[in-house]
Amino acid sequence: MKVFITGGSGLLGSKVAEIALERGYNVYSGYNSHKPEFGEPVKFDLADPNSIVKVIDDVRPDVIIHSAALTDVDRCETEKELAYKINVEGTKIVAEMARKLGAFLVYISTDYVFDGERGMYKEEDETNPINYYGYTKLLGEKYCQDFCIARTCVIYGARPASGKANFALWLINKLEKGECVKIITDQFITPTLNTNLAKMLLEIAERGLKEVFHLAGITRVSRFEFAKEIAREFGLDESLIVPSKMDEMNWIAKRPRDSSLDVSKAARYLNEKPYDLKKALKVLKGEMEVN
């Protein structure tokens, strides 16, 4: 199987590439600025339609995992034109190319398509994004309805990706240095280990499941509780984690208060089940000891 991953150097894309290579697939990792660690690197620009068409036409993949996006929520709010170009128009062209080549597409969407008023959202629940990032990702979904749409929530993993640490690595680094960190107590999520997510996505691609799936961790926690659990698993000083509130954050874009995802459909359908938080953190710790 020939797999093309957009965002091949990102936190999710790099893990999908790594596992796909282990399974013996031909992997092409699309990137813009950070050269990917796994797979055949393919430079392209999601903001340039010609670049997308040419690369996908050259690779001629069986499967496209479309994980690349402008995900900086505040930047999407201030640079709406760029966000629309990448997240909506870029996705439209990726989906058109998948149809043209008869490739199976998995579109990575987000918990931010929901307003966060109640949480534990199921696949069929009404979407209502409250920021421009969520809005562009929802528009992207419209172009991928005949493929798989996979919504996820707060991805973390054992290695930095695209030159950035994820929440878990950032927190561990701060606590190891004995630094205090302010973490919000009033935003609720279902954090997702990239390894678990990548395996679920590859299973969906292998089985050709053309549906909407919520693919995240099982456990609904506040960001504060998530941080505390990480500290406990890694034997770090949890007293350094200081409670804070969402309205103390200097965010430009609004964030949903509770964008946790109900993953019971994935747990029913897939052989690779969503992990609960304790299992996910044990796997994370094991991976970090190996790296």
Protein backbone atom coordinates (compact mmCIF):
# COMPACT_ATOMS: atom_id res chain seq x y z
CA MET A 1 0.00 0.00 0.00
CA LYS A 2 1.25 3.45 -0.94
CA VAL A 3 0.47 6.02 1.76
CA PHE A 4 0.78 9.79 1.38
CA ILE A 5 0.71 11.79 4.61
CA THR A 6 0.20 15.55 4.53
CA GLY A 7 1.85 17.05 7.60
CA GLY A 8 4.37 14.22 7.63
CA SER A 9 6.68 15.99 10.07
CA GLY A 10 3.89 16.83 12.55
CA LEU A 11 3.07 15.15 15.85
CA LEU A 12 0.46 12.89 14.27
CA GLY A 13 1.79 12.59 10.71
CA SER A 14 5.26 11.48 11.81
CA LYS A 15 3.78 8.74 14.03
CA VAL A 16 1.50 7.52 11.23
CA ALA A 17 4.55 7.41 8.92
CA GLU A 18 6.63 5.52 11.48
CA ILE A 19 3.98 2.83 12.08
CA ALA A 20 3.06 2.56 8.36
CA LEU A 21 6.75 1.90 7.56
CA GLU A 22 6.85 -0.81 10.25
CA ARG A 23 3.88 -2.42 8.48
CA GLY A 24 5.80 -2.48 5.21
CA TYR A 25 3.94 0.28 3.39
CA ASN A 26 5.50 2.73 0.95
CA VAL A 27 5.28 6.01 2.83
CA TYR A 28 5.51 9.51 1.37
CA SER A 29 5.64 12.28 3.95
CA GLY A 30 4.49 15.66 2.71
CA TYR A 31 5.99 18.68 4.46
CA ASN A 32 6.45 22.42 4.07
CA SER A 33 9.27 23.61 6.34
CA HIS A 34 10.42 20.80 8.70
CA LYS A 35 11.85 17.77 6.91
CA PRO A 36 10.10 14.60 8.13
CA GLU A 37 11.97 11.90 10.04
CA PHE A 38 10.04 8.97 8.53
CA GLY A 39 9.08 8.12 4.96
CA GLU A 40 10.10 9.61 1.63
CA PRO A 41 10.10 13.40 2.13
CA VAL A 42 7.91 15.28 -0.35
CA LYS A 43 7.95 19.08 -0.15
CA PHE A 44 4.67 20.80 -0.97
CA ASP A 45 2.60 23.80 0.04
CA LEU A 46 -1.00 23.38 1.17
CA ALA A 47 -1.61 27.07 0.36
CA ASP A 48 -0.62 26.49 -3.29
CA PRO A 49 -3.20 24.50 -5.31
CA ASN A 50 -0.72 23.64 -8.10
CA SER A 51 1.76 22.25 -5.59
CA ILE A 52 -0.91 19.95 -4.07
CA VAL A 53 -2.08 18.66 -7.46
CA LYS A 54 1.44 18.01 -8.73
CA VAL A 55 2.65 16.15 -5.62
CA ILE A 56 -0.40 13.90 -5.30
CA ASP A 57 -0.36 13.23 -9.04
CA ASP A 58 3.34 12.27 -8.85
CA VAL A 59 2.95 10.02 -5.79
CA ARG A 60 -0.36 8.43 -6.91
CA PRO A 61 -1.13 7.07 -3.42
CA ASP A 62 -3.65 4.39 -2.44
CA VAL A 63 -4.29 6.19 0.84
CA ILE A 64 -4.01 9.85 1.84
CA ILE A 65 -3.90 10.76 5.53
CA HIS A 66 -4.62 14.50 5.49
CA SER A 67 -3.24 15.72 8.82
CA ALA A 68 -1.67 19.02 7.68
CA ALA A 69 -3.48 22.21 8.67
CA LEU A 70 -2.96 25.64 10.12
CA THR A 71 -3.71 24.58 13.71
CA ASP A 72 -2.55 27.69 15.60
CA VAL A 73 -5.96 28.76 16.90
CA ASP A 74 -5.07 32.40 17.55
CA ARG A 75 -3.23 32.74 14.24
CA CYS A 76 -6.30 31.41 12.41
CA GLU A 77 -8.31 34.17 14.11
CA THR A 78 -5.93 36.95 13.00
CA GLU A 79 -4.96 35.52 9.59
CA LYS A 80 -8.34 34.32 8.37
CA GLU A 81 -7.44 34.41 4.69
CA LEU A 82 -4.44 32.12 5.18
CA ALA A 83 -6.43 29.78 7.45
CA TYR A 84 -9.16 29.51 4.80
CA LYS A 85 -6.64 28.92 2.01
CA ILE A 86 -4.88 26.09 3.88
CA ASN A 87 -7.67 24.45 5.88
CA VAL A 88 -10.57 24.80 3.43
CA GLU A 89 -9.26 25.29 -0.10
CA GLY A 90 -6.24 23.03 0.47
CA THR A 91 -8.49 20.27 1.82
CA LYS A 92 -10.89 20.66 -1.12
CA ILE A 93 -8.05 20.04 -3.59
CA VAL A 94 -6.66 17.08 -1.59
CA ALA A 95 -10.16 15.52 -1.62
CA GLU A 96 -10.60 16.19 -5.36
CA MET A 97 -7.26 14.52 -6.10
CA ALA A 98 -8.19 11.52 -3.93
CA ARG A 99 -11.40 11.10 -5.95
CA LYS A 100 -9.57 11.52 -9.25
CA LEU A 101 -7.00 8.84 -8.38
CA GLY A 102 -9.41 6.52 -6.56
CA ALA A 103 -7.39 6.92 -3.33
CA PHE A 104 -8.90 6.49 0.14
CA LEU A 105 -8.77 9.72 2.16
CA VAL A 106 -8.76 10.16 5.92
CA TYR A 107 -9.34 13.80 6.89
CA ILE A 108 -8.11 14.74 10.35
CA SER A 109 -10.60 17.11 11.94
CA THR A 110 -10.93 18.49 15.44
CA ASP A 111 -12.97 18.71 18.65
CA TYR A 112 -13.10 22.47 17.93
CA VAL A 113 -15.98 21.95 15.48
CA PHE A 114 -18.13 21.90 18.67
CA ASP A 115 -19.00 24.88 20.89
CA GLY A 116 -18.00 23.15 24.14
CA GLU A 117 -21.28 23.84 25.92
CA ARG A 118 -21.75 20.24 27.10
CA GLY A 119 -18.88 17.91 26.09
CA MET A 120 -18.63 14.16 25.38
CA TYR A 121 -19.76 14.82 21.82
CA LYS A 122 -20.89 11.95 19.61
CA GLU A 123 -20.26 11.86 15.86
CA GLU A 124 -23.83 12.86 14.99
CA ASP A 125 -24.04 15.78 17.45
CA GLU A 126 -24.62 19.26 16.07
CA THR A 127 -21.46 21.19 15.20
CA ASN A 128 -21.15 24.85 16.16
CA PRO A 129 -17.57 26.17 16.13
CA ILE A 130 -16.86 29.28 18.22
CA ASN A 131 -13.53 30.21 16.61
CA TYR A 132 -12.27 30.54 13.05
CA TYR A 133 -9.97 27.50 13.29
CA GLY A 134 -12.93 25.24 14.15
CA TYR A 135 -14.98 26.90 11.41
CA THR A 136 -12.34 26.21 8.72
CA LYS A 137 -11.92 22.60 9.85
CA LEU A 138 -15.69 22.10 9.67
CA LEU A 139 -15.77 23.57 6.15
CA GLY A 140 -12.96 21.12 5.28
CA GLU A 141 -15.19 18.26 6.48
CA LYS A 142 -17.83 19.24 3.91
CA TYR A 143 -15.41 18.30 1.10
CA CYS A 144 -14.58 14.90 2.64
CA GLN A 145 -18.03 13.50 3.41
CA ASP A 146 -17.62 10.55 1.04
CA PHE A 147 -14.39 9.53 2.84
CA CYS A 148 -13.40 9.16 6.49
CA ILE A 149 -13.56 12.18 8.79
CA ALA A 150 -11.63 11.59 12.00
CA ARG A 151 -12.07 14.17 14.76
CA THR A 152 -9.51 14.17 17.54
CA CYS A 153 -8.61 16.14 20.67
CA VAL A 154 -5.35 17.46 22.22
CA ILE A 155 -2.71 15.15 20.71
CA TYR A 156 0.48 14.45 22.65
CA GLY A 157 3.44 12.12 22.13
CA ALA A 158 6.94 11.06 23.15
CA ARG A 159 8.93 13.22 20.73
CA PRO A 160 8.87 16.88 19.68
CA ALA A 161 7.56 17.35 16.12
CA SER A 162 8.04 20.20 13.62
CA GLY A 163 10.42 21.80 16.11
CA LYS A 164 7.74 22.05 18.83
CA ALA A 165 7.09 20.23 22.11
CA ASN A 166 3.51 19.08 22.72
CA PHE A 167 1.66 19.74 25.99
CA ALA A 168 2.95 16.59 27.74
CA LEU A 169 6.61 17.15 26.80
CA TRP A 170 6.40 20.86 27.64
CA LEU A 171 4.94 20.07 31.07
CA ILE A 172 7.45 17.31 31.86
CA ASN A 173 10.33 19.61 30.88
CA LYS A 174 9.05 22.44 33.12
CA LEU A 175 8.45 20.16 36.13
CA GLU A 176 11.85 18.48 35.76
CA LYS A 177 13.42 21.94 36.00
CA GLY A 178 11.37 22.65 39.14
CA GLU A 179 9.43 25.45 37.45
CA CYS A 180 5.85 26.33 38.39
CA VAL A 181 3.26 26.04 35.62
CA LYS A 182 -0.21 27.59 35.45
CA ILE A 183 -2.73 25.12 34.07
CA ILE A 184 -6.44 25.78 33.59
CA THR A 185 -8.99 23.88 35.67
CA ASP A 186 -12.12 24.81 33.69
CA GLN A 187 -11.42 23.43 30.21
CA PHE A 188 -12.27 19.75 29.63
CA ILE A 189 -10.73 17.49 27.01
CA THR A 190 -10.15 13.86 26.02
CA PRO A 191 -6.36 13.92 25.42
CA THR A 192 -5.06 11.61 22.71
CA LEU A 193 -1.76 9.73 22.52
CA ASN A 194 -0.42 10.00 18.96
CA THR A 195 0.58 6.30 18.85
CA ASN A 196 -2.96 5.13 19.67
CA LEU A 197 -4.44 7.61 17.19
CA ALA A 198 -2.05 6.64 14.39
CA LYS A 199 -2.89 2.94 14.80
CA MET A 200 -6.63 3.68 14.72
CA LEU A 201 -6.21 5.80 11.58
CA LEU A 202 -4.19 3.13 9.79
CA GLU A 203 -6.79 0.50 10.67
CA ILE A 204 -9.52 2.74 9.22
CA ALA A 205 -7.45 3.19 6.04
CA GLU A 206 -6.75 -0.55 5.77
CA ARG A 207 -10.44 -1.37 6.18
CA GLY A 208 -11.68 1.55 4.03
CA LEU A 209 -14.20 2.75 6.63
CA LYS A 210 -15.97 5.75 5.08
CA GLU A 211 -17.51 7.24 8.20
CA VAL A 212 -17.15 9.99 10.77
CA PHE A 213 -15.18 8.78 13.79
CA HIS A 214 -14.26 10.44 17.05
CA LEU A 215 -10.74 9.20 17.73
CA ALA A 216 -9.36 10.38 21.06
CA GLY A 217 -8.55 9.07 24.51
CA ILE A 218 -11.45 7.61 26.52
CA THR A 219 -10.83 9.71 29.62
CA ARG A 220 -12.48 13.14 30.01
CA VAL A 221 -10.33 15.38 32.20
CA SER A 222 -9.66 19.06 32.79
CA ARG A 223 -6.30 20.27 31.50
CA PHE A 224 -5.32 20.66 35.17
CA GLU A 225 -6.19 17.01 35.96
CA PHE A 226 -4.34 15.91 32.80
CA ALA A 227 -1.23 17.75 34.00
CA LYS A 228 -1.52 16.18 37.47
CA GLU A 229 -1.82 12.68 35.96
CA ILE A 230 1.31 13.27 33.86
CA ALA A 231 3.22 14.45 36.94
CA ARG A 232 2.14 11.35 38.90
CA GLU A 233 3.08 8.92 36.12
CA PHE A 234 6.53 10.49 35.72
CA GLY A 235 7.17 10.90 39.46
CA LEU A 236 7.32 14.71 39.26
CA ASP A 237 6.27 17.33 41.81
CA GLU A 238 2.59 18.01 41.19
CA SER A 239 2.58 20.90 43.69
CA LEU A 240 4.34 22.92 40.96
CA ILE A 241 1.10 22.78 38.93
CA VAL A 242 -0.84 25.93 39.81
CA PRO A 243 -4.58 26.15 39.06
CA SER A 244 -5.66 28.87 36.67
CA LYS A 245 -8.85 29.83 34.80
CA MET A 246 -9.61 30.18 31.09
CA ASP A 247 -10.51 33.86 31.46
CA GLU A 248 -7.00 34.54 32.82
CA MET A 249 -5.48 33.42 29.51
CA ASN A 250 -4.52 36.07 26.96
CA TRP A 251 -6.09 34.20 24.06
CA ILE A 252 -7.22 36.00 20.93
CA ALA A 253 -9.67 33.30 19.84
CA LYS A 254 -12.40 31.84 22.05
CA ARG A 255 -11.90 28.22 23.16
CA PRO A 256 -14.65 25.70 23.89
CA ARG A 257 -14.97 24.94 27.63
CA ASP A 258 -15.71 21.25 27.17
CA SER A 259 -14.80 19.76 23.78
CA SER A 260 -14.35 16.20 25.09
CA LEU A 261 -15.25 13.51 22.53
CA ASP A 262 -17.29 10.36 23.03
CA VAL A 263 -15.22 7.55 21.47
CA SER A 264 -17.67 4.69 22.04
CA LYS A 265 -18.19 4.21 18.27
CA ALA A 266 -14.43 3.73 17.71
CA ALA A 267 -14.32 1.36 20.70
CA ARG A 268 -17.11 -0.72 19.09
CA TYR A 269 -15.87 -0.71 15.49
CA LEU A 270 -12.09 -0.86 15.74
CA ASN A 271 -9.69 -3.56 16.84
CA GLU A 272 -7.29 -0.82 17.99
CA LYS A 273 -9.35 0.59 20.87
CA PRO A 274 -9.03 4.13 22.23
CA TYR A 275 -6.79 4.14 25.34
CA ASP A 276 -7.80 5.39 28.75
CA LEU A 277 -5.47 8.00 30.22
CA LYS A 278 -3.59 5.68 32.60
CA LYS A 279 -2.74 3.24 29.80
CA ALA A 280 -1.81 6.07 27.41
CA LEU A 281 0.59 7.65 29.92
CA LYS A 282 2.23 4.28 30.61
CA VAL A 283 2.80 3.83 26.85
CA LEU A 284 4.10 7.41 26.61
CA LYS A 285 6.57 6.80 29.44
CA GLY A 286 7.77 3.56 27.81
CA GLU A 287 8.28 5.35 24.48
CA MET A 288 10.21 8.18 26.11
CA GLU A 289 12.53 5.71 27.87
CA VAL A 290 13.33 4.11 24.50
CA ASN A 291 14.00 7.45 22.72
